[in-house]
Every structure is written in structure tokens, then in C-alpha cells.
Amino acid sequence: MRTLDRKLLRDLRRLWAQALAIALVLAAGVMQLVIFVGTGASLEETRAAWYERNRFAQVFASATRAPEELSAAISAVPGVAAVETRVTGRAVLDIEGLREPAAGR
């Protein structure tokens, strides 16, 4: 093993710039991974806190046809704080100052 160790040191002395470049590329990759994971966790925590603070709905559901009596069954589900039913539709809006009509819901 002594001979192989000397050869390794000799090769590293000769190729130190390439070894340094490889180490820097690996360090940059690890740094980006840590940043991406930290940013993702921070965004998820921020969204959850904002939803909680503003009592924003966690689940939305749409149905083409559903009876109004279904809202009572949905509000009976454990963990449901409020149920809001509504009828929605699309409309074309003529707004002064816009060249093209706006779409509304």
C-alpha cells in the first residue's frame, strides 16, 4: 500500500487544479440542494400559516349538479368548519378603458 499511497499523492500534486474544480462543482451542487430544500420547506410553512391566519379554505370542490341538501352532509364531516355553496358562471364584461372585453366569473 505504501507505493500506491505515494502514487496517489504524486497524481494529486500533478492534477491539483482538476481535483479542486471537481470539489468545487460538488460543493456547488450540495449547496443548491440545501437551498432548494430549505426554500421549499419555508414556502410550505408560510402557505400553511397564511391559510390558518386568514381562515382560507383547504379544499375546494366543484360539481356540475348537486342538491342543496348535500351541504348539510358535507358540514357533518369531522374537521369541516364551514361550507359555502354557490352558483357560478362565466360572463363577458365591458369595462371602460379596456380595448377588449374582460372575462368574469
PDB file of N, CA and C in Angstrom:
ATOM      1  N   MET A   1       0.821  -1.198   0.000  1.00  0.00           N
ATOM      2  CA  MET A   1       0.000   0.000   0.000  1.00  0.00           C
ATOM      3  C   MET A   1       0.865   1.263   0.000  1.00  0.00           C
ATOM      4  N   ARG A   2       2.035   1.192   0.498  1.00  0.00           N
ATOM      5  CA  ARG A   2       2.895   2.362   0.567  1.00  0.00           C
ATOM      6  C   ARG A   2       3.159   2.933  -0.828  1.00  0.00           C
ATOM      7  N   THR A   3       3.369   2.089  -1.794  1.00  0.00           N
ATOM      8  CA  THR A   3       3.658   2.535  -3.150  1.00  0.00           C
ATOM      9  C   THR A   3       2.425   3.192  -3.775  1.00  0.00           C
ATOM     10  N   LEU A   4       1.279   2.605  -3.546  1.00  0.00           N
ATOM     11  CA  LEU A   4       0.043   3.191  -4.089  1.00  0.00           C
ATOM     12  C   LEU A   4      -0.253   4.551  -3.450  1.00  0.00           C
ATOM     13  N   ASP A   5       0.032   4.682  -2.153  1.00  0.00           N
ATOM     14  CA  ASP A   5      -0.180   5.977  -1.490  1.00  0.00           C
ATOM     15  C   ASP A   5       0.717   7.051  -2.091  1.00  0.00           C
ATOM     16  N   ARG A   6       1.977   6.709  -2.363  1.00  0.00           N
ATOM     17  CA  ARG A   6       2.888   7.678  -2.969  1.00  0.00           C
ATOM     18  C   ARG A   6       2.422   8.053  -4.369  1.00  0.00           C
ATOM     19  N   LYS A   7       1.935   7.062  -5.123  1.00  0.00           N
ATOM     20  CA  LYS A   7       1.441   7.348  -6.474  1.00  0.00           C
ATOM     21  C   LYS A   7       0.219   8.273  -6.406  1.00  0.00           C
ATOM     22  N   LEU A   8      -0.679   8.029  -5.463  1.00  0.00           N
ATOM     23  CA  LEU A   8      -1.859   8.873  -5.294  1.00  0.00           C
ATOM     24  C   LEU A   8      -1.453  10.312  -4.982  1.00  0.00           C
ATOM     25  N   LEU A   9      -0.527  10.503  -4.069  1.00  0.00           N
ATOM     26  CA  LEU A   9      -0.075  11.847  -3.727  1.00  0.00           C
ATOM     27  C   LEU A   9       0.606  12.525  -4.914  1.00  0.00           C
ATOM     28  N   ARG A  10       1.401  11.784  -5.647  1.00  0.00           N
ATOM     29  CA  ARG A  10       2.072  12.329  -6.824  1.00  0.00           C
ATOM     30  C   ARG A  10       1.047  12.746  -7.873  1.00  0.00           C
ATOM     31  N   ASP A  11       0.010  11.914  -8.095  1.00  0.00           N
ATOM     32  CA  ASP A  11      -1.039  12.253  -9.071  1.00  0.00           C
ATOM     33  C   ASP A  11      -1.846  13.470  -8.616  1.00  0.00           C
ATOM     34  N   LEU A  12      -2.136  13.545  -7.321  1.00  0.00           N
ATOM     35  CA  LEU A  12      -2.874  14.698  -6.809  1.00  0.00           C
ATOM     36  C   LEU A  12      -2.062  15.982  -6.928  1.00  0.00           C
ATOM     37  N   ARG A  13      -0.733  15.897  -6.717  1.00  0.00           N
ATOM     38  CA  ARG A  13       0.119  17.069  -6.881  1.00  0.00           C
ATOM     39  C   ARG A  13       0.115  17.537  -8.332  1.00  0.00           C
ATOM     40  N   ARG A  14       0.094  16.582  -9.256  1.00  0.00           N
ATOM     41  CA  ARG A  14       0.117  16.924 -10.667  1.00  0.00           C
ATOM     42  C   ARG A  14      -1.240  17.426 -11.160  1.00  0.00           C
ATOM     43  N   LEU A  15      -2.332  16.898 -10.612  1.00  0.00           N
ATOM     44  CA  LEU A  15      -3.680  17.239 -11.085  1.00  0.00           C
ATOM     45  C   LEU A  15      -4.464  18.046 -10.038  1.00  0.00           C
ATOM     46  N   TRP A  16      -3.798  18.875  -9.251  1.00  0.00           N
ATOM     47  CA  TRP A  16      -4.471  19.582  -8.170  1.00  0.00           C
ATOM     48  C   TRP A  16      -5.554  20.524  -8.679  1.00  0.00           C
ATOM     49  N   ALA A  17      -5.362  21.124  -9.835  1.00  0.00           N
ATOM     50  CA  ALA A  17      -6.357  22.057 -10.362  1.00  0.00           C
ATOM     51  C   ALA A  17      -7.642  21.317 -10.751  1.00  0.00           C
ATOM     52  N   GLN A  18      -7.495  20.149 -11.356  1.00  0.00           N
ATOM     53  CA  GLN A  18      -8.677  19.372 -11.731  1.00  0.00           C
ATOM     54  C   GLN A  18      -9.398  18.854 -10.489  1.00  0.00           C
ATOM     55  N   ALA A  19      -8.643  18.414  -9.490  1.00  0.00           N
ATOM     56  CA  ALA A  19      -9.251  17.935  -8.245  1.00  0.00           C
ATOM     57  C   ALA A  19      -9.994  19.075  -7.542  1.00  0.00           C
ATOM     58  N   LEU A  20      -9.414  20.269  -7.560  1.00  0.00           N
ATOM     59  CA  LEU A  20     -10.071  21.428  -6.963  1.00  0.00           C
ATOM     60  C   LEU A  20     -11.355  21.780  -7.713  1.00  0.00           C
ATOM     61  N   ALA A  21     -11.316  21.724  -9.045  1.00  0.00           N
ATOM     62  CA  ALA A  21     -12.508  22.023  -9.850  1.00  0.00           C
ATOM     63  C   ALA A  21     -13.616  21.013  -9.565  1.00  0.00           C
ATOM     64  N   ILE A  22     -13.273  19.743  -9.447  1.00  0.00           N
ATOM     65  CA  ILE A  22     -14.280  18.717  -9.146  1.00  0.00           C
ATOM     66  C   ILE A  22     -14.882  18.957  -7.769  1.00  0.00           C
ATOM     67  N   ALA A  23     -14.038  19.291  -6.789  1.00  0.00           N
ATOM     68  CA  ALA A  23     -14.536  19.555  -5.438  1.00  0.00           C
ATOM     69  C   ALA A  23     -15.458  20.774  -5.424  1.00  0.00           C
ATOM     70  N   LEU A  24     -15.127  21.805  -6.179  1.00  0.00           N
ATOM     71  CA  LEU A  24     -15.977  22.994  -6.223  1.00  0.00           C
ATOM     72  C   LEU A  24     -17.321  22.715  -6.888  1.00  0.00           C
ATOM     73  N   VAL A  25     -17.319  21.905  -7.948  1.00  0.00           N
ATOM     74  CA  VAL A  25     -18.588  21.552  -8.610  1.00  0.00           C
ATOM     75  C   VAL A  25     -19.462  20.741  -7.659  1.00  0.00           C
ATOM     76  N   LEU A  26     -18.871  19.799  -6.932  1.00  0.00           N
ATOM     77  CA  LEU A  26     -19.646  19.014  -5.965  1.00  0.00           C
ATOM     78  C   LEU A  26     -20.182  19.901  -4.843  1.00  0.00           C
ATOM     79  N   ALA A  27     -19.356  20.829  -4.360  1.00  0.00           N
ATOM     80  CA  ALA A  27     -19.807  21.735  -3.301  1.00  0.00           C
ATOM     81  C   ALA A  27     -20.950  22.616  -3.786  1.00  0.00           C
ATOM     82  N   ALA A  28     -20.873  23.096  -5.013  1.00  0.00           N
ATOM     83  CA  ALA A  28     -21.950  23.920  -5.557  1.00  0.00           C
ATOM     84  C   ALA A  28     -23.248  23.117  -5.685  1.00  0.00           C
ATOM     85  N   GLY A  29     -23.143  21.862  -6.093  1.00  0.00           N
ATOM     86  CA  GLY A  29     -24.336  21.022  -6.201  1.00  0.00           C
ATOM     87  C   GLY A  29     -24.981  20.767  -4.852  1.00  0.00           C
ATOM     88  N   VAL A  30     -24.176  20.487  -3.839  1.00  0.00           N
ATOM     89  CA  VAL A  30     -24.710  20.271  -2.494  1.00  0.00           C
ATOM     90  C   VAL A  30     -25.337  21.560  -1.970  1.00  0.00           C
ATOM     91  N   MET A  31     -24.690  22.697  -2.238  1.00  0.00           N
ATOM     92  CA  MET A  31     -25.218  23.981  -1.790  1.00  0.00           C
ATOM     93  C   MET A  31     -26.592  24.247  -2.424  1.00  0.00           C
ATOM     94  N   GLN A  32     -26.737  23.987  -3.711  1.00  0.00           N
ATOM     95  CA  GLN A  32     -28.024  24.210  -4.375  1.00  0.00           C
ATOM     96  C   GLN A  32     -29.098  23.285  -3.816  1.00  0.00           C
ATOM     97  N   LEU A  33     -28.746  22.041  -3.544  1.00  0.00           N
ATOM     98  CA  LEU A  33     -29.716  21.109  -2.976  1.00  0.00           C
ATOM     99  C   LEU A  33     -30.202  21.605  -1.621  1.00  0.00           C
ATOM    100  N   VAL A  34     -29.302  22.052  -0.781  1.00  0.00           N
ATOM    101  CA  VAL A  34     -29.680  22.562   0.541  1.00  0.00           C
ATOM    102  C   VAL A  34     -30.569  23.796   0.404  1.00  0.00           C
ATOM    103  N   ILE A  35     -30.236  24.678  -0.521  1.00  0.00           N
ATOM    104  CA  ILE A  35     -31.040  25.892  -0.728  1.00  0.00           C
ATOM    105  C   ILE A  35     -32.436  25.534  -1.226  1.00  0.00           C
ATOM    106  N   PHE A  36     -32.544  24.637  -2.190  1.00  0.00           N
ATOM    107  CA  PHE A  36     -33.853  24.267  -2.733  1.00  0.00           C
ATOM    108  C   PHE A  36     -34.727  23.600  -1.681  1.00  0.00           C
ATOM    109  N   VAL A  37     -34.160  22.708  -0.895  1.00  0.00           N
ATOM    110  CA  VAL A  37     -34.946  22.026   0.142  1.00  0.00           C
ATOM    111  C   VAL A  37     -35.397  23.033   1.197  1.00  0.00           C
ATOM    112  N   GLY A  38     -34.494  23.925   1.604  1.00  0.00           N
ATOM    113  CA  GLY A  38     -34.858  24.936   2.598  1.00  0.00           C
ATOM    114  C   GLY A  38     -35.913  25.892   2.095  1.00  0.00           C
ATOM    115  N   THR A  39     -35.802  26.314   0.845  1.00  0.00           N
ATOM    116  CA  THR A  39     -36.787  27.225   0.263  1.00  0.00           C
ATOM    117  C   THR A  39     -38.153  26.551   0.154  1.00  0.00           C
ATOM    118  N   GLY A  40     -38.167  25.297  -0.272  1.00  0.00           N
ATOM    119  CA  GLY A  40     -39.439  24.574  -0.379  1.00  0.00           C
ATOM    120  C   GLY A  40     -40.127  24.428   0.971  1.00  0.00           C
ATOM    121  N   ALA A  41     -39.351  24.081   1.997  1.00  0.00           N
ATOM    122  CA  ALA A  41     -39.934  23.947   3.337  1.00  0.00           C
ATOM    123  C   ALA A  41     -40.452  25.286   3.843  1.00  0.00           C
ATOM    124  N   SER A  42     -39.702  26.353   3.586  1.00  0.00           N
ATOM    125  CA  SER A  42     -40.121  27.688   4.023  1.00  0.00           C
ATOM    126  C   SER A  42     -41.413  28.109   3.329  1.00  0.00           C
ATOM    127  N   LEU A  43     -41.522  27.844   2.036  1.00  0.00           N
ATOM    128  CA  LEU A  43     -42.746  28.212   1.312  1.00  0.00           C
ATOM    129  C   LEU A  43     -43.949  27.424   1.806  1.00  0.00           C
ATOM    130  N   GLU A  44     -43.770  26.141   2.088  1.00  0.00           N
ATOM    131  CA  GLU A  44     -44.883  25.339   2.594  1.00  0.00           C
ATOM    132  C   GLU A  44     -45.340  25.827   3.966  1.00  0.00           C
ATOM    133  N   GLU A  45     -44.390  26.161   4.847  1.00  0.00           N
ATOM    134  CA  GLU A  45     -44.746  26.670   6.173  1.00  0.00           C
ATOM    135  C   GLU A  45     -45.438  28.023   6.074  1.00  0.00           C
ATOM    136  N   THR A  46     -44.962  28.878   5.181  1.00  0.00           N
ATOM    137  CA  THR A  46     -45.572  30.195   5.007  1.00  0.00           C
ATOM    138  C   THR A  46     -46.995  30.069   4.489  1.00  0.00           C
ATOM    139  N   ARG A  47     -47.207  29.178   3.514  1.00  0.00           N
ATOM    140  CA  ARG A  47     -48.556  28.978   2.979  1.00  0.00           C
ATOM    141  C   ARG A  47     -49.493  28.448   4.060  1.00  0.00           C
ATOM    142  N   ALA A  48     -49.035  27.481   4.832  1.00  0.00           N
ATOM    143  CA  ALA A  48     -49.880  26.917   5.890  1.00  0.00           C
ATOM    144  C   ALA A  48     -50.227  27.976   6.931  1.00  0.00           C
ATOM    145  N   ALA A  49     -49.254  28.812   7.297  1.00  0.00           N
ATOM    146  CA  ALA A  49     -49.517  29.871   8.279  1.00  0.00           C
ATOM    147  C   ALA A  49     -50.500  30.901   7.717  1.00  0.00           C
ATOM    148  N   TRP A  50     -50.354  31.238   6.439  1.00  0.00           N
ATOM    149  CA  TRP A  50     -51.260  32.213   5.824  1.00  0.00           C
ATOM    150  C   TRP A  50     -52.672  31.652   5.756  1.00  0.00           C
ATOM    151  N   TYR A  51     -52.818  30.383   5.368  1.00  0.00           N
ATOM    152  CA  TYR A  51     -54.142  29.755   5.326  1.00  0.00           C
ATOM    153  C   TYR A  51     -54.778  29.763   6.714  1.00  0.00           C
ATOM    154  N   GLU A  52     -53.982  29.427   7.724  1.00  0.00           N
ATOM    155  CA  GLU A  52     -54.509  29.373   9.084  1.00  0.00           C
ATOM    156  C   GLU A  52     -54.895  30.768   9.578  1.00  0.00           C
ATOM    157  N   ARG A  53     -54.041  31.747   9.347  1.00  0.00           N
ATOM    158  CA  ARG A  53     -54.268  33.105   9.833  1.00  0.00           C
ATOM    159  C   ARG A  53     -55.494  33.737   9.166  1.00  0.00           C
ATOM    160  N   ASN A  54     -55.686  33.496   7.885  1.00  0.00           N
ATOM    161  CA  ASN A  54     -56.796  34.104   7.145  1.00  0.00           C
ATOM    162  C   ASN A  54     -58.000  33.187   6.999  1.00  0.00           C
ATOM    163  N   ARG A  55     -57.936  32.044   7.658  1.00  0.00           N
ATOM    164  CA  ARG A  55     -59.027  31.055   7.621  1.00  0.00           C
ATOM    165  C   ARG A  55     -59.419  30.742   6.174  1.00  0.00           C
ATOM    166  N   PHE A  56     -58.386  30.510   5.361  1.00  0.00           N
ATOM    167  CA  PHE A  56     -58.587  30.208   3.951  1.00  0.00           C
ATOM    168  C   PHE A  56     -58.953  28.737   3.798  1.00  0.00           C
ATOM    169  N   ALA A  57     -59.775  28.433   2.826  1.00  0.00           N
ATOM    170  CA  ALA A  57     -60.228  27.063   2.640  1.00  0.00           C
ATOM    171  C   ALA A  57     -59.072  26.143   2.259  1.00  0.00           C
ATOM    172  N   GLN A  58     -59.073  24.952   2.816  1.00  0.00           N
ATOM    173  CA  GLN A  58     -58.050  23.962   2.495  1.00  0.00           C
ATOM    174  C   GLN A  58     -58.459  23.125   1.279  1.00  0.00           C
ATOM    175  N   VAL A  59     -59.761  22.995   1.055  1.00  0.00           N
ATOM    176  CA  VAL A  59     -60.258  22.137  -0.022  1.00  0.00           C
ATOM    177  C   VAL A  59     -61.334  22.893  -0.797  1.00  0.00           C
ATOM    178  N   PHE A  60     -61.245  22.801  -2.107  1.00  0.00           N
ATOM    179  CA  PHE A  60     -62.284  23.333  -2.973  1.00  0.00           C
ATOM    180  C   PHE A  60     -62.838  22.174  -3.786  1.00  0.00           C
ATOM    181  N   ALA A  61     -64.123  22.195  -4.052  1.00  0.00           N
ATOM    182  CA  ALA A  61     -64.726  21.151  -4.873  1.00  0.00           C
ATOM    183  C   ALA A  61     -65.759  21.808  -5.769  1.00  0.00           C
ATOM    184  N   SER A  62     -65.853  21.282  -6.976  1.00  0.00           N
ATOM    185  CA  SER A  62     -66.869  21.798  -7.881  1.00  0.00           C
ATOM    186  C   SER A  62     -67.713  20.631  -8.376  1.00  0.00           C
ATOM    187  N   ALA A  63     -68.949  20.926  -8.651  1.00  0.00           N
ATOM    188  CA  ALA A  63     -69.873  19.911  -9.145  1.00  0.00           C
ATOM    189  C   ALA A  63     -70.753  20.542 -10.208  1.00  0.00           C
ATOM    190  N   THR A  64     -71.097  19.761 -11.205  1.00  0.00           N
ATOM    191  CA  THR A  64     -71.984  20.257 -12.249  1.00  0.00           C
ATOM    192  C   THR A  64     -73.406  20.386 -11.710  1.00  0.00           C
ATOM    193  N   ARG A  65     -73.852  19.352 -11.030  1.00  0.00           N
ATOM    194  CA  ARG A  65     -75.175  19.376 -10.411  1.00  0.00           C
ATOM    195  C   ARG A  65     -75.081  18.717  -9.045  1.00  0.00           C
ATOM    196  N   ALA A  66     -75.569  19.393  -8.033  1.00  0.00           N
ATOM    197  CA  ALA A  66     -75.598  18.838  -6.682  1.00  0.00           C
ATOM    198  C   ALA A  66     -76.767  19.469  -5.937  1.00  0.00           C
ATOM    199  N   PRO A  67     -77.509  18.674  -5.183  1.00  0.00           N
ATOM    200  CA  PRO A  67     -78.635  19.249  -4.434  1.00  0.00           C
ATOM    201  C   PRO A  67     -78.134  20.090  -3.260  1.00  0.00           C
ATOM    202  N   GLU A  68     -78.914  21.081  -2.866  1.00  0.00           N
ATOM    203  CA  GLU A  68     -78.546  21.962  -1.750  1.00  0.00           C
ATOM    204  C   GLU A  68     -78.461  21.181  -0.437  1.00  0.00           C
ATOM    205  N   GLU A  69     -79.208  20.073  -0.330  1.00  0.00           N
ATOM    206  CA  GLU A  69     -79.187  19.270   0.891  1.00  0.00           C
ATOM    207  C   GLU A  69     -77.817  18.631   1.126  1.00  0.00           C
ATOM    208  N   LEU A  70     -77.001  18.562   0.097  1.00  0.00           N
ATOM    209  CA  LEU A  70     -75.673  17.966   0.227  1.00  0.00           C
ATOM    210  C   LEU A  70     -74.774  18.801   1.140  1.00  0.00           C
ATOM    211  N   SER A  71     -75.041  20.092   1.258  1.00  0.00           N
ATOM    212  CA  SER A  71     -74.216  20.946   2.117  1.00  0.00           C
ATOM    213  C   SER A  71     -74.326  20.525   3.585  1.00  0.00           C
ATOM    214  N   ALA A  72     -75.487  20.037   4.012  1.00  0.00           N
ATOM    215  CA  ALA A  72     -75.644  19.568   5.393  1.00  0.00           C
ATOM    216  C   ALA A  72     -74.797  18.330   5.637  1.00  0.00           C
ATOM    217  N   ALA A  73     -74.746  17.437   4.664  1.00  0.00           N
ATOM    218  CA  ALA A  73     -73.934  16.223   4.814  1.00  0.00           C
ATOM    219  C   ALA A  73     -72.443  16.562   4.825  1.00  0.00           C
ATOM    220  N   ILE A  74     -72.047  17.545   4.029  1.00  0.00           N
ATOM    221  CA  ILE A  74     -70.632  17.946   3.996  1.00  0.00           C
ATOM    222  C   ILE A  74     -70.245  18.616   5.304  1.00  0.00           C
ATOM    223  N   SER A  75     -71.116  19.449   5.858  1.00  0.00           N
ATOM    224  CA  SER A  75     -70.784  20.129   7.118  1.00  0.00           C
ATOM    225  C   SER A  75     -70.746  19.160   8.296  1.00  0.00           C
ATOM    226  N   ALA A  76     -71.347  17.971   8.153  1.00  0.00           N
ATOM    227  CA  ALA A  76     -71.308  16.970   9.222  1.00  0.00           C
ATOM    228  C   ALA A  76     -69.995  16.200   9.244  1.00  0.00           C
ATOM    229  N   VAL A  77     -69.156  16.337   8.223  1.00  0.00           N
ATOM    230  CA  VAL A  77     -67.866  15.647   8.179  1.00  0.00           C
ATOM    231  C   VAL A  77     -66.964  16.230   9.264  1.00  0.00           C
ATOM    232  N   PRO A  78     -66.296  15.374  10.058  1.00  0.00           N
ATOM    233  CA  PRO A  78     -65.416  15.890  11.119  1.00  0.00           C
ATOM    234  C   PRO A  78     -64.287  16.757  10.546  1.00  0.00           C
ATOM    235  N   GLY A  79     -64.059  17.898  11.189  1.00  0.00           N
ATOM    236  CA  GLY A  79     -62.994  18.803  10.764  1.00  0.00           C
ATOM    237  C   GLY A  79     -63.455  19.905   9.834  1.00  0.00           C
ATOM    238  N   VAL A  80     -64.693  19.840   9.361  1.00  0.00           N
ATOM    239  CA  VAL A  80     -65.202  20.879   8.460  1.00  0.00           C
ATOM    240  C   VAL A  80     -65.737  22.026   9.305  1.00  0.00           C
ATOM    241  N   ALA A  81     -65.134  23.205   9.132  1.00  0.00           N
ATOM    242  CA  ALA A  81     -65.547  24.373   9.913  1.00  0.00           C
ATOM    243  C   ALA A  81     -66.704  25.111   9.251  1.00  0.00           C
ATOM    244  N   ALA A  82     -66.704  25.192   7.922  1.00  0.00           N
ATOM    245  CA  ALA A  82     -67.756  25.938   7.229  1.00  0.00           C
ATOM    246  C   ALA A  82     -67.934  25.374   5.828  1.00  0.00           C
ATOM    247  N   VAL A  83     -69.156  25.453   5.347  1.00  0.00           N
ATOM    248  CA  VAL A  83     -69.478  25.031   3.981  1.00  0.00           C
ATOM    249  C   VAL A  83     -70.180  26.191   3.302  1.00  0.00           C
ATOM    250  N   GLU A  84     -69.740  26.500   2.095  1.00  0.00           N
ATOM    251  CA  GLU A  84     -70.363  27.588   1.343  1.00  0.00           C
ATOM    252  C   GLU A  84     -70.705  27.051  -0.044  1.00  0.00           C
ATOM    253  N   THR A  85     -71.971  27.130  -0.387  1.00  0.00           N
ATOM    254  CA  THR A  85     -72.388  26.691  -1.724  1.00  0.00           C
ATOM    255  C   THR A  85     -72.747  27.921  -2.539  1.00  0.00           C
ATOM    256  N   ARG A  86     -72.503  27.832  -3.827  1.00  0.00           N
ATOM    257  CA  ARG A  86     -72.834  28.954  -4.715  1.00  0.00           C
ATOM    258  C   ARG A  86     -72.983  28.452  -6.137  1.00  0.00           C
ATOM    259  N   VAL A  87     -73.653  29.257  -6.913  1.00  0.00           N
ATOM    260  CA  VAL A  87     -73.808  29.004  -8.338  1.00  0.00           C
ATOM    261  C   VAL A  87     -72.877  29.979  -9.051  1.00  0.00           C
ATOM    262  N   THR A  88     -72.071  29.461  -9.945  1.00  0.00           N
ATOM    263  CA  THR A  88     -71.134  30.323 -10.668  1.00  0.00           C
ATOM    264  C   THR A  88     -71.361  30.196 -12.165  1.00  0.00           C
ATOM    265  N   GLY A  89     -70.887  31.186 -12.869  1.00  0.00           N
ATOM    266  CA  GLY A  89     -70.967  31.179 -14.318  1.00  0.00           C
ATOM    267  C   GLY A  89     -69.990  32.171 -14.904  1.00  0.00           C
ATOM    268  N   ARG A  90     -69.768  32.086 -16.178  1.00  0.00           N
ATOM    269  CA  ARG A  90     -68.842  32.983 -16.862  1.00  0.00           C
ATOM    270  C   ARG A  90     -69.636  34.111 -17.530  1.00  0.00           C
ATOM    271  N   ALA A  91     -68.990  35.285 -17.610  1.00  0.00           N
ATOM    272  CA  ALA A  91     -69.637  36.443 -18.220  1.00  0.00           C
ATOM    273  C   ALA A  91     -68.590  37.275 -18.945  1.00  0.00           C
ATOM    274  N   VAL A  92     -69.040  38.021 -19.935  1.00  0.00           N
ATOM    275  CA  VAL A  92     -68.180  38.971 -20.639  1.00  0.00           C
ATOM    276  C   VAL A  92     -68.496  40.352 -20.080  1.00  0.00           C
ATOM    277  N   LEU A  93     -67.436  41.051 -19.650  1.00  0.00           N
ATOM    278  CA  LEU A  93     -67.616  42.347 -19.008  1.00  0.00           C
ATOM    279  C   LEU A  93     -67.073  43.454 -19.895  1.00  0.00           C
ATOM    280  N   ASP A  94     -67.873  44.475 -20.115  1.00  0.00           N
ATOM    281  CA  ASP A  94     -67.423  45.660 -20.837  1.00  0.00           C
ATOM    282  C   ASP A  94     -66.951  46.675 -19.808  1.00  0.00           C
ATOM    283  N   ILE A  95     -65.653  46.845 -19.698  1.00  0.00           N
ATOM    284  CA  ILE A  95     -65.076  47.768 -18.728  1.00  0.00           C
ATOM    285  C   ILE A  95     -64.504  48.958 -19.476  1.00  0.00           C
ATOM    286  N   GLU A  96     -64.887  50.135 -19.034  1.00  0.00           N
ATOM    287  CA  GLU A  96     -64.419  51.347 -19.688  1.00  0.00           C
ATOM    288  C   GLU A  96     -62.898  51.460 -19.535  1.00  0.00           C
ATOM    289  N   GLY A  97     -62.227  51.756 -20.636  1.00  0.00           N
ATOM    290  CA  GLY A  97     -60.773  51.894 -20.619  1.00  0.00           C
ATOM    291  C   GLY A  97     -60.052  50.664 -21.163  1.00  0.00           C
ATOM    292  N   LEU A  98     -60.749  49.550 -21.277  1.00  0.00           N
ATOM    293  CA  LEU A  98     -60.153  48.344 -21.859  1.00  0.00           C
ATOM    294  C   LEU A  98     -60.573  48.233 -23.310  1.00  0.00           C
ATOM    295  N   ARG A  99     -59.616  47.921 -24.165  1.00  0.00           N
ATOM    296  CA  ARG A  99     -59.954  47.803 -25.593  1.00  0.00           C
ATOM    297  C   ARG A  99     -60.742  46.519 -25.859  1.00  0.00           C
ATOM    298  N   GLU A 100     -60.378  45.441 -25.175  1.00  0.00           N
ATOM    299  CA  GLU A 100     -61.081  44.168 -25.367  1.00  0.00           C
ATOM    300  C   GLU A 100     -61.939  43.871 -24.159  1.00  0.00           C
ATOM    301  N   PRO A 101     -63.033  43.149 -24.331  1.00  0.00           N
ATOM    302  CA  PRO A 101     -63.888  42.828 -23.185  1.00  0.00           C
ATOM    303  C   PRO A 101     -63.150  41.901 -22.200  1.00  0.00           C
ATOM    304  N   ALA A 102     -63.439  42.053 -20.923  1.00  0.00           N
ATOM    305  CA  ALA A 102     -62.814  41.229 -19.886  1.00  0.00           C
ATOM    306  C   ALA A 102     -63.708  40.028 -19.605  1.00  0.00           C
ATOM    307  N   ALA A 103     -63.087  38.954 -19.144  1.00  0.00           N
ATOM    308  CA  ALA A 103     -63.831  37.765 -18.769  1.00  0.00           C
ATOM    309  C   ALA A 103     -64.050  37.788 -17.260  1.00  0.00           C
ATOM    310  N   GLY A 104     -65.255  37.470 -16.841  1.00  0.00           N
ATOM    311  CA  GLY A 104     -65.572  37.464 -15.423  1.00  0.00           C
ATOM    312  C   GLY A 104     -66.171  36.151 -15.019  1.00  0.00           C
ATOM    313  N   ARG A 105     -66.168  35.918 -13.732  1.00  0.00           N
ATOM    314  CA  ARG A 105     -66.758  34.690 -13.190  1.00  0.00           C
ATOM    315  C   ARG A 105     -67.662  35.076 -12.050  1.00  0.00           C
TER     316      ARG A 105
END
